Amino acid sequence: MEQNKVYTIKLISGEEIIARIKQEGGVTELIKPRAIAMNATGGFGMMPWLVSAPDSNVLIADTAIVGAVETGSIVATQYIKQTTGIQV
């Protein structure tokens, strides 16, 4: 995975996370990770993965990742807006 691109990551626990990443030595740093949450209308929203530390970066073992794909442009734009305040 390329450093600092926005990825959708599926964890071994089944959770789906959106985050920018940095990888080094078997560890992935999730930068301001957001969890995907479905809403009542069938859409989805993003919420901090760690509610008690919403803007914290999180280190996870690479072995916790089942799969990852570069996040689609519409969702990536919303992630950037939510985590940085920058309108792309």
C-alpha atoms as a PDB file:
ATOM      1  CA  MET A   1       0.000   0.000   0.000  1.00  0.00           C
ATOM      2  CA  GLU A   2       1.200   3.498  -0.758  1.00  0.00           C
ATOM      3  CA  GLN A   3       1.887   5.800   2.158  1.00  0.00           C
ATOM      4  CA  ASN A   4      -0.777   8.430   2.944  1.00  0.00           C
ATOM      5  CA  LYS A   5      -3.311   7.361   0.293  1.00  0.00           C
ATOM      6  CA  VAL A   6      -6.831   6.734   1.595  1.00  0.00           C
ATOM      7  CA  TYR A   7      -7.650   3.025   1.878  1.00  0.00           C
ATOM      8  CA  THR A   8     -10.644   0.946   2.807  1.00  0.00           C
ATOM      9  CA  ILE A   9      -9.310  -1.822   5.025  1.00  0.00           C
ATOM     10  CA  LYS A  10     -11.074  -5.006   6.096  1.00  0.00           C
ATOM     11  CA  LEU A  11      -9.814  -6.292   9.432  1.00  0.00           C
ATOM     12  CA  ILE A  12      -9.728  -9.895  10.603  1.00  0.00           C
ATOM     13  CA  SER A  13     -12.467  -8.900  13.106  1.00  0.00           C
ATOM     14  CA  GLY A  14     -14.785  -8.057  10.178  1.00  0.00           C
ATOM     15  CA  GLU A  15     -14.650  -4.312  10.718  1.00  0.00           C
ATOM     16  CA  GLU A  16     -14.286  -2.041   7.694  1.00  0.00           C
ATOM     17  CA  ILE A  17     -12.074   0.989   8.295  1.00  0.00           C
ATOM     18  CA  ILE A  18     -11.218   3.992   6.144  1.00  0.00           C
ATOM     19  CA  ALA A  19      -7.854   5.611   6.853  1.00  0.00           C
ATOM     20  CA  ARG A  20      -4.643   6.955   5.434  1.00  0.00           C
ATOM     21  CA  ILE A  21      -1.825   4.569   6.266  1.00  0.00           C
ATOM     22  CA  LYS A  22       1.872   4.271   6.941  1.00  0.00           C
ATOM     23  CA  GLN A  23       3.495   0.825   6.986  1.00  0.00           C
ATOM     24  CA  GLU A  24       6.797  -0.167   8.488  1.00  0.00           C
ATOM     25  CA  GLY A  25       8.226  -3.378   9.884  1.00  0.00           C
ATOM     26  CA  GLY A  26       5.039  -5.456  10.008  1.00  0.00           C
ATOM     27  CA  VAL A  27       2.995  -2.645  11.588  1.00  0.00           C
ATOM     28  CA  THR A  28       0.422  -0.413   9.916  1.00  0.00           C
ATOM     29  CA  GLU A  29      -0.370   3.012  11.313  1.00  0.00           C
ATOM     30  CA  LEU A  30      -3.975   4.019  10.658  1.00  0.00           C
ATOM     31  CA  ILE A  31      -4.118   7.809  10.439  1.00  0.00           C
ATOM     32  CA  LYS A  32      -7.406   9.162  11.846  1.00  0.00           C
ATOM     33  CA  PRO A  33      -9.291   5.905  11.159  1.00  0.00           C
ATOM     34  CA  ARG A  34     -13.003   6.016  10.523  1.00  0.00           C
ATOM     35  CA  ALA A  35     -15.442   3.113  10.847  1.00  0.00           C
ATOM     36  CA  ILE A  36     -18.207   2.589   8.322  1.00  0.00           C
ATOM     37  CA  ALA A  37     -21.696   2.711   9.842  1.00  0.00           C
ATOM     38  CA  MET A  38     -24.902   1.931   7.947  1.00  0.00           C
ATOM     39  CA  ASN A  39     -27.826   4.306   8.465  1.00  0.00           C
ATOM     40  CA  ALA A  40     -31.585   3.703   8.422  1.00  0.00           C
ATOM     41  CA  THR A  41     -31.978   4.814   4.791  1.00  0.00           C
ATOM     42  CA  GLY A  42     -29.541   2.218   3.473  1.00  0.00           C
ATOM     43  CA  GLY A  43     -26.660   4.645   3.110  1.00  0.00           C
ATOM     44  CA  PHE A  44     -23.584   4.847   5.244  1.00  0.00           C
ATOM     45  CA  GLY A  45     -21.616   7.302   7.315  1.00  0.00           C
ATOM     46  CA  MET A  46     -18.176   7.512   8.833  1.00  0.00           C
ATOM     47  CA  MET A  47     -17.538   7.766  12.532  1.00  0.00           C
ATOM     48  CA  PRO A  48     -14.298   7.745  14.509  1.00  0.00           C
ATOM     49  CA  TRP A  49     -13.088   4.172  14.965  1.00  0.00           C
ATOM     50  CA  LEU A  50     -12.026   4.993  18.529  1.00  0.00           C
ATOM     51  CA  VAL A  51     -14.819   7.145  19.916  1.00  0.00           C
ATOM     52  CA  SER A  52     -12.884   8.121  23.057  1.00  0.00           C
ATOM     53  CA  ALA A  53      -9.879   9.230  20.969  1.00  0.00           C
ATOM     54  CA  PRO A  54     -11.434  10.359  17.654  1.00  0.00           C
ATOM     55  CA  ASP A  55      -8.361  11.898  16.027  1.00  0.00           C
ATOM     56  CA  SER A  56      -5.742   9.485  17.315  1.00  0.00           C
ATOM     57  CA  ASN A  57      -3.592   7.418  15.010  1.00  0.00           C
ATOM     58  CA  VAL A  58      -3.683   3.689  15.732  1.00  0.00           C
ATOM     59  CA  LEU A  59      -0.987   1.054  15.271  1.00  0.00           C
ATOM     60  CA  ILE A  60      -2.132  -2.424  14.225  1.00  0.00           C
ATOM     61  CA  ALA A  61      -0.241  -5.542  13.199  1.00  0.00           C
ATOM     62  CA  ASP A  62      -0.228  -6.200   9.456  1.00  0.00           C
ATOM     63  CA  THR A  63      -1.591  -9.665  10.300  1.00  0.00           C
ATOM     64  CA  ALA A  64      -4.865  -8.023  11.452  1.00  0.00           C
ATOM     65  CA  ILE A  65      -5.570  -6.871   7.868  1.00  0.00           C
ATOM     66  CA  VAL A  66      -7.516  -9.281   5.646  1.00  0.00           C
ATOM     67  CA  GLY A  67      -7.657  -6.987   2.623  1.00  0.00           C
ATOM     68  CA  ALA A  68      -7.268  -3.397   1.507  1.00  0.00           C
ATOM     69  CA  VAL A  69      -8.253  -1.382  -1.533  1.00  0.00           C
ATOM     70  CA  GLU A  70      -7.762   2.259  -2.437  1.00  0.00           C
ATOM     71  CA  THR A  71     -10.960   4.039  -1.394  1.00  0.00           C
ATOM     72  CA  GLY A  72     -13.201   5.360  -4.178  1.00  0.00           C
ATOM     73  CA  SER A  73     -12.824   9.062  -4.912  1.00  0.00           C
ATOM     74  CA  ILE A  74     -16.215  10.210  -3.548  1.00  0.00           C
ATOM     75  CA  VAL A  75     -15.737   8.453  -0.205  1.00  0.00           C
ATOM     76  CA  ALA A  76     -12.044   9.456  -0.011  1.00  0.00           C
ATOM     77  CA  THR A  77     -13.039  13.105  -0.527  1.00  0.00           C
ATOM     78  CA  GLN A  78     -15.543  12.860   2.335  1.00  0.00           C
ATOM     79  CA  TYR A  79     -12.905  11.216   4.566  1.00  0.00           C
ATOM     80  CA  ILE A  80     -10.415  14.020   3.841  1.00  0.00           C
ATOM     81  CA  LYS A  81     -13.066  16.661   4.511  1.00  0.00           C
ATOM     82  CA  GLN A  82     -14.067  15.002   7.801  1.00  0.00           C
ATOM     83  CA  THR A  83     -10.530  14.458   9.078  1.00  0.00           C
ATOM     84  CA  THR A  84      -8.839  17.661   7.887  1.00  0.00           C
ATOM     85  CA  GLY A  85     -11.592  20.165   7.192  1.00  0.00           C
ATOM     86  CA  ILE A  86     -10.172  20.620   3.690  1.00  0.00           C
ATOM     87  CA  GLN A  87     -12.780  20.729   0.907  1.00  0.00           C
ATOM     88  CA  VAL A  88     -11.324  18.888  -2.100  1.00  0.00           C
END
